[in-house]
Amino acid sequence: MTPVTPDLSGPRPGTPSPPVPGEPPVPAGGPGETASGAAARAGGGTRLMAVAPPVFVVLWSSAFIAGIPGVTAAPPLLLMFARFALAGALLTAYALITRAPWPRGRALAHIAVSGLLIQAVQFGAFYTALGMGFPAAVISLVQGLSPVVVVLASRFLGETVSRRQALGFVLGAAGVVLAVADRVSLSAWGVALCLVGLSGLSAGTLYQKRFVPVMDVRTGTAVQLLASAPAVGLACVALETPRVSDWAAFGGSVAWMVVVNSIAAFILLNTMLLRWSAGRVSTLFFLTPSVTAVLAWLIVGQTLHPLAVAGLALGAAGVLLANHRASAT
């Protein structure tokens, strides 16, 4: 099977754009659509994609902060099972109400596999490390290295990377390291789990871009969550003692992760993956360690080290350089 090189230039002219979250798919130039209506629809999609990256980074970065009280109140895999099951059920109900099209056959299988990698493997490993006391900043650091893994894999599959983009990846990786340089604490199990989580995120991103070129983000995200819930639930029963010690903390953590992280953030992620290359989307993870540090300072009062601010600036520069070719076309 011939590898498909991720396209950094966005959708080709004349290619229908994927549906905007919350709206049923509308065929481009469909019967009865006026020129002004088509222009308004295209303009709305452009505005959505302009704000999607910064909103996604903030929503994604809040996950580990919300997870801290959750993993102190219950085992991490139980927390992830509740997150995936509730988010999947809510998205399924929403998709049914809005009559969104559901994937079938091979497309359904591919979406489920990508969900198992991005949801179950990534978060199961990361939150297990968090529950063992591994610092959230270091987990965010490892997660932030996903762009490097993705671009290396993309090069192996034949994608060319310009010198400017390569410099962007170097700066982004340096920004990730700076963001948590003052808080690194290592344990063998924690490092191993973080590497598993990084592998799940990177492999899932590449797999989805390779095998899921088109999907409705409402039903696609629902399938990913519903495929991950039983897998994590079985792991919880096999490896943990499912018990909640603080229902208030557990409920608050689950509620935030369901609505903000599993639904809003993943609808944005899947929308961006449909429109942009895996490499371009993954560069946003360069920013998550620094933004996580800023949110921890604002929300829980943790000290904001100057290195975190420097890492945020360096990571932002890396994202701009790594995306240069995409934005220039």
Protein backbone atom coordinates (compact mmCIF):
# COMPACT_ATOMS: atom_id res chain seq x y z
CA MET A 1 0.00 0.00 0.00
CA THR A 2 1.49 3.33 -1.04
CA PRO A 3 2.06 5.73 1.87
CA VAL A 4 0.11 8.97 1.70
CA THR A 5 2.21 12.03 2.41
CA PRO A 6 0.48 14.52 4.71
CA ASP A 7 -0.40 17.68 2.77
CA LEU A 8 0.81 20.83 4.51
CA SER A 9 -1.03 23.12 2.14
CA GLY A 10 -4.55 22.40 3.41
CA PRO A 11 -7.49 21.18 1.32
CA ARG A 12 -7.11 21.27 -2.46
CA PRO A 13 -9.19 23.76 -4.40
CA GLY A 14 -12.60 22.36 -5.21
CA THR A 15 -12.46 19.78 -2.41
CA PRO A 16 -15.53 19.99 -0.14
CA SER A 17 -14.65 21.05 3.38
CA PRO A 18 -15.57 18.70 6.24
CA PRO A 19 -18.60 19.66 8.29
CA VAL A 20 -18.26 22.30 10.97
CA PRO A 21 -18.88 20.74 14.42
CA GLY A 22 -22.51 21.04 15.37
CA GLU A 23 -23.78 21.44 11.82
CA PRO A 24 -24.94 18.71 9.43
CA PRO A 25 -22.79 18.26 6.33
CA VAL A 26 -23.74 20.57 3.49
CA PRO A 27 -22.59 19.62 -0.02
CA ALA A 28 -20.51 22.34 -1.63
CA GLY A 29 -22.53 24.02 -4.32
CA GLY A 30 -25.58 21.92 -3.48
CA PRO A 31 -28.97 22.49 -5.07
CA GLY A 32 -30.45 25.86 -4.21
CA GLU A 33 -27.27 27.24 -2.64
CA THR A 34 -26.60 30.82 -3.70
CA ALA A 35 -23.17 32.32 -4.25
CA SER A 36 -23.58 34.51 -1.18
CA GLY A 37 -24.65 31.50 0.90
CA ALA A 38 -21.62 29.51 -0.20
CA ALA A 39 -19.33 32.44 0.56
CA ALA A 40 -20.86 32.87 4.02
CA ARG A 41 -20.46 29.18 4.77
CA ALA A 42 -16.82 29.20 3.62
CA GLY A 43 -16.15 32.33 5.65
CA GLY A 44 -17.59 30.71 8.77
CA GLY A 45 -15.36 27.68 8.33
CA THR A 46 -12.31 29.91 7.84
CA ARG A 47 -13.05 31.83 11.03
CA LEU A 48 -13.51 28.59 12.95
CA MET A 49 -10.15 27.24 11.77
CA ALA A 50 -8.44 30.54 12.61
CA VAL A 51 -9.38 30.28 16.29
CA ALA A 52 -9.23 26.48 16.55
CA PRO A 53 -5.46 26.13 17.30
CA PRO A 54 -5.21 28.51 20.31
CA VAL A 55 -8.54 27.31 21.74
CA PHE A 56 -7.45 23.70 21.32
CA VAL A 57 -4.11 24.29 23.08
CA VAL A 58 -5.81 25.89 26.11
CA LEU A 59 -8.50 23.19 26.36
CA TRP A 60 -5.99 20.37 25.92
CA SER A 61 -3.56 21.84 28.45
CA SER A 62 -6.25 21.96 31.14
CA ALA A 63 -6.65 18.17 31.15
CA PHE A 64 -3.81 17.27 33.51
CA ILE A 65 -4.79 20.02 35.95
CA ALA A 66 -8.35 18.67 36.02
CA GLY A 67 -6.97 15.16 36.38
CA ILE A 68 -4.96 15.82 39.54
CA PRO A 69 -7.96 15.77 41.94
CA GLY A 70 -9.46 12.90 39.94
CA VAL A 71 -6.52 10.52 40.37
CA THR A 72 -6.37 11.29 44.10
CA ALA A 73 -10.05 10.34 44.44
CA ALA A 74 -10.07 7.17 42.30
CA PRO A 75 -7.75 4.87 40.33
CA PRO A 76 -6.65 6.48 37.04
CA LEU A 77 -8.11 3.83 34.72
CA LEU A 78 -11.47 4.09 36.48
CA LEU A 79 -11.30 7.84 35.95
CA MET A 80 -10.57 7.31 32.23
CA PHE A 81 -13.38 4.75 31.89
CA ALA A 82 -15.90 7.22 33.34
CA ARG A 83 -14.54 9.96 31.07
CA PHE A 84 -14.74 7.92 27.86
CA ALA A 85 -18.10 6.29 28.61
CA LEU A 86 -19.90 9.51 29.56
CA ALA A 87 -18.36 11.57 26.76
CA GLY A 88 -19.14 8.83 24.23
CA ALA A 89 -22.75 8.59 25.40
CA LEU A 90 -23.26 12.37 25.25
CA LEU A 91 -21.73 12.66 21.78
CA THR A 92 -23.78 9.70 20.55
CA ALA A 93 -26.99 11.35 21.75
CA TYR A 94 -25.97 14.63 20.10
CA ALA A 95 -25.10 12.88 16.84
CA LEU A 96 -28.46 11.11 16.81
CA ILE A 97 -30.37 14.32 17.51
CA THR A 98 -28.53 16.15 14.71
CA ARG A 99 -28.82 13.11 12.39
CA ALA A 100 -25.09 12.96 11.76
CA PRO A 101 -23.90 10.22 9.38
CA TRP A 102 -22.27 7.21 11.06
CA PRO A 103 -19.20 5.44 9.66
CA ARG A 104 -19.57 1.85 8.48
CA GLY A 105 -17.42 -1.09 7.49
CA ARG A 106 -13.71 -0.46 7.08
CA ALA A 107 -14.05 3.25 7.91
CA LEU A 108 -15.66 2.36 11.25
CA ALA A 109 -12.81 -0.05 12.07
CA HIS A 110 -10.13 2.53 11.21
CA ILE A 111 -11.79 5.19 13.36
CA ALA A 112 -12.04 2.74 16.26
CA VAL A 113 -8.33 1.84 15.98
CA SER A 114 -7.29 5.49 15.90
CA GLY A 115 -9.46 6.07 18.96
CA LEU A 116 -7.89 3.21 20.88
CA LEU A 117 -4.44 4.66 20.20
CA ILE A 118 -5.19 8.33 20.83
CA GLN A 119 -7.65 7.84 23.69
CA ALA A 120 -7.13 4.54 25.49
CA VAL A 121 -3.38 4.02 25.05
CA GLN A 122 -2.35 7.66 25.38
CA PHE A 123 -4.50 8.71 28.31
CA GLY A 124 -4.50 5.34 30.04
CA ALA A 125 -0.70 5.49 30.23
CA PHE A 126 -0.38 9.21 31.01
CA TYR A 127 -2.97 9.23 33.78
CA THR A 128 -1.61 6.03 35.31
CA ALA A 129 1.75 7.82 35.54
CA LEU A 130 -0.04 10.84 37.06
CA GLY A 131 -1.72 8.58 39.62
CA MET A 132 1.70 7.19 40.60
CA GLY A 133 2.81 10.71 41.47
CA PHE A 134 4.71 11.45 38.28
CA PRO A 135 4.71 15.26 37.80
CA ALA A 136 2.05 16.59 35.44
CA ALA A 137 4.60 19.00 33.97
CA VAL A 138 6.88 16.14 32.95
CA ILE A 139 3.96 14.20 31.45
CA SER A 140 3.07 17.31 29.48
CA LEU A 141 6.73 17.54 28.42
CA VAL A 142 6.70 14.02 26.98
CA GLN A 143 3.35 14.65 25.31
CA GLY A 144 4.79 17.83 23.82
CA LEU A 145 7.47 15.81 22.02
CA SER A 146 4.83 14.22 19.80
CA PRO A 147 5.53 16.61 16.88
CA VAL A 148 9.12 15.37 16.71
CA VAL A 149 7.97 11.74 16.54
CA VAL A 150 5.33 12.58 13.93
CA VAL A 151 7.68 14.50 11.67
CA LEU A 152 10.35 11.78 11.88
CA ALA A 153 7.76 9.17 10.94
CA SER A 154 6.46 11.38 8.15
CA ARG A 155 9.97 11.71 6.73
CA PHE A 156 10.33 7.94 6.87
CA LEU A 157 7.14 7.74 4.80
CA GLY A 158 8.57 10.14 2.23
CA GLU A 159 7.49 13.62 3.35
CA THR A 160 10.02 16.39 2.72
CA VAL A 161 10.71 18.97 5.43
CA SER A 162 12.27 22.34 4.65
CA ARG A 163 15.16 23.78 6.63
CA ARG A 164 12.87 26.42 8.06
CA GLN A 165 10.44 23.75 9.23
CA ALA A 166 13.26 21.63 10.68
CA LEU A 167 14.43 24.68 12.64
CA GLY A 168 10.87 25.11 13.86
CA PHE A 169 10.81 21.55 15.21
CA VAL A 170 14.15 22.09 16.97
CA LEU A 171 12.93 25.33 18.56
CA GLY A 172 9.64 23.73 19.54
CA ALA A 173 11.37 20.78 21.22
CA ALA A 174 13.71 23.18 23.03
CA GLY A 175 10.70 25.17 24.24
CA VAL A 176 9.11 22.00 25.58
CA VAL A 177 12.24 21.15 27.58
CA LEU A 178 12.59 24.70 28.92
CA ALA A 179 8.98 24.72 30.11
CA VAL A 180 9.62 21.99 32.69
CA ALA A 181 13.39 22.20 33.16
CA ASP A 182 13.02 23.15 36.83
CA ARG A 183 10.59 20.35 37.73
CA VAL A 184 11.94 17.15 36.23
CA SER A 185 11.57 14.14 38.52
CA LEU A 186 12.06 10.70 37.07
CA SER A 187 11.06 7.14 37.94
CA ALA A 188 11.50 4.11 35.72
CA TRP A 189 7.80 3.19 35.67
CA GLY A 190 6.75 6.78 35.13
CA VAL A 191 9.12 7.21 32.21
CA ALA A 192 7.98 3.91 30.67
CA LEU A 193 4.30 4.86 30.95
CA CYS A 194 4.97 8.30 29.46
CA LEU A 195 6.73 6.72 26.50
CA VAL A 196 3.74 4.41 25.97
CA GLY A 197 1.43 7.43 26.08
CA LEU A 198 3.63 9.33 23.61
CA SER A 199 3.60 6.32 21.27
CA GLY A 200 -0.19 6.12 21.43
CA LEU A 201 -0.65 9.80 20.62
CA SER A 202 1.90 9.84 17.79
CA ALA A 203 0.84 6.54 16.22
CA GLY A 204 -2.84 7.44 16.52
CA THR A 205 -2.29 10.83 14.87
CA LEU A 206 -0.46 9.27 11.92
CA TYR A 207 -2.91 6.36 11.66
CA GLN A 208 -5.93 8.66 11.62
CA LYS A 209 -4.42 10.93 8.98
CA ARG A 210 -3.42 7.91 6.86
CA PHE A 211 -6.58 5.80 7.09
CA VAL A 212 -9.35 8.25 8.06
CA PRO A 213 -9.22 11.03 5.45
CA VAL A 214 -12.93 11.83 5.85
CA MET A 215 -15.32 11.50 8.78
CA ASP A 216 -18.05 13.41 10.55
CA VAL A 217 -16.38 14.79 13.68
CA ARG A 218 -19.46 14.16 15.83
CA THR A 219 -19.90 10.48 15.08
CA GLY A 220 -16.18 9.86 14.53
CA THR A 221 -15.25 11.22 17.95
CA ALA A 222 -18.13 9.27 19.52
CA VAL A 223 -16.85 6.03 17.96
CA GLN A 224 -13.34 6.70 19.24
CA LEU A 225 -14.61 7.24 22.77
CA LEU A 226 -16.99 4.27 22.76
CA ALA A 227 -14.25 1.97 21.44
CA SER A 228 -11.88 3.13 24.20
CA ALA A 229 -14.30 2.86 27.14
CA PRO A 230 -14.56 -0.97 27.31
CA ALA A 231 -10.83 -1.41 26.67
CA VAL A 232 -9.94 0.88 29.58
CA GLY A 233 -12.74 -0.61 31.70
CA LEU A 234 -11.34 -4.13 31.28
CA ALA A 235 -7.85 -2.87 32.15
CA CYS A 236 -9.28 -1.19 35.25
CA VAL A 237 -10.93 -4.39 36.47
CA ALA A 238 -7.78 -6.42 35.78
CA LEU A 239 -5.20 -4.01 37.20
CA GLU A 240 -6.93 -1.79 39.76
CA THR A 241 -9.38 -1.84 42.63
CA PRO A 242 -12.28 0.26 41.33
CA ARG A 243 -13.20 2.45 44.29
CA VAL A 244 -13.96 6.16 44.67
CA SER A 245 -12.81 7.81 47.91
CA ASP A 246 -14.02 11.35 47.18
CA TRP A 247 -17.08 11.59 44.94
CA ALA A 248 -17.04 15.40 44.78
CA ALA A 249 -13.47 15.54 43.47
CA PHE A 250 -14.08 12.58 41.18
CA GLY A 251 -17.29 14.05 39.77
CA GLY A 252 -15.78 17.48 39.19
CA SER A 253 -12.74 16.03 37.46
CA VAL A 254 -14.81 13.74 35.24
CA ALA A 255 -17.27 16.52 34.34
CA TRP A 256 -14.47 18.84 33.19
CA MET A 257 -12.64 16.15 31.22
CA VAL A 258 -15.84 14.90 29.57
CA VAL A 259 -17.15 18.27 28.36
CA VAL A 260 -13.91 20.19 27.81
CA ASN A 261 -11.24 17.61 27.04
CA SER A 262 -13.01 14.63 25.50
CA ILE A 263 -15.74 16.45 23.56
CA ALA A 264 -14.68 20.04 22.80
CA ALA A 265 -10.94 19.46 22.44
CA PHE A 266 -11.27 16.27 20.40
CA ILE A 267 -13.86 17.74 18.05
CA LEU A 268 -11.35 20.52 17.37
CA LEU A 269 -8.49 18.02 17.00
CA ASN A 270 -10.41 15.82 14.57
CA THR A 271 -11.56 18.85 12.58
CA MET A 272 -7.97 20.07 12.24
CA LEU A 273 -6.74 16.61 11.24
CA LEU A 274 -9.35 16.52 8.48
CA ARG A 275 -8.17 19.85 7.06
CA TRP A 276 -4.44 19.94 7.81
CA SER A 277 -1.49 17.55 7.83
CA ALA A 278 -0.64 15.42 10.87
CA GLY A 279 2.69 17.24 11.18
CA ARG A 280 1.07 20.66 11.20
CA VAL A 281 -1.53 19.71 13.81
CA SER A 282 1.00 17.94 16.03
CA THR A 283 3.15 21.08 16.32
CA LEU A 284 0.46 22.53 18.61
CA PHE A 285 1.65 20.10 21.28
CA PHE A 286 4.89 22.10 21.50
CA LEU A 287 2.85 24.70 23.38
CA THR A 288 1.05 22.46 25.88
CA PRO A 289 3.78 22.19 28.59
CA SER A 290 4.14 25.98 28.88
CA VAL A 291 0.39 26.60 28.73
CA THR A 292 -0.11 23.89 31.36
CA ALA A 293 2.37 25.72 33.60
CA VAL A 294 0.54 29.03 33.06
CA LEU A 295 -2.84 27.45 33.84
CA ALA A 296 -1.40 25.83 36.99
CA TRP A 297 -0.21 29.27 38.07
CA LEU A 298 -3.59 30.88 37.39
CA ILE A 299 -5.83 28.10 38.73
CA VAL A 300 -3.99 26.29 41.53
CA GLY A 301 -1.42 28.93 42.45
CA GLN A 302 1.72 27.07 41.41
CA THR A 303 4.81 29.20 40.89
CA LEU A 304 5.31 30.30 37.29
CA HIS A 305 9.01 29.88 36.61
CA PRO A 306 10.63 32.24 34.06
CA LEU A 307 11.76 29.17 32.13
CA ALA A 308 8.10 28.29 31.50
CA VAL A 309 7.53 31.72 29.98
CA ALA A 310 10.67 31.35 27.85
CA GLY A 311 9.52 27.88 26.80
CA LEU A 312 6.14 29.27 25.74
CA ALA A 313 7.80 31.91 23.56
CA LEU A 314 10.25 29.42 22.05
CA GLY A 315 7.49 26.87 21.44
CA ALA A 316 5.35 29.50 19.71
CA ALA A 317 8.25 30.42 17.44
CA GLY A 318 8.72 26.74 16.63
CA VAL A 319 5.05 26.34 15.70
CA LEU A 320 5.19 29.36 13.39
CA LEU A 321 8.34 28.12 11.63
CA ALA A 322 7.17 24.51 11.37
CA ASN A 323 3.91 25.69 9.78
CA HIS A 324 5.59 28.17 7.42
CA ARG A 325 5.03 26.20 4.23
CA ALA A 326 1.37 25.60 5.06
CA SER A 327 0.60 29.23 5.77
CA ALA A 328 2.55 30.50 2.82
CA THR A 329 0.36 28.66 0.30
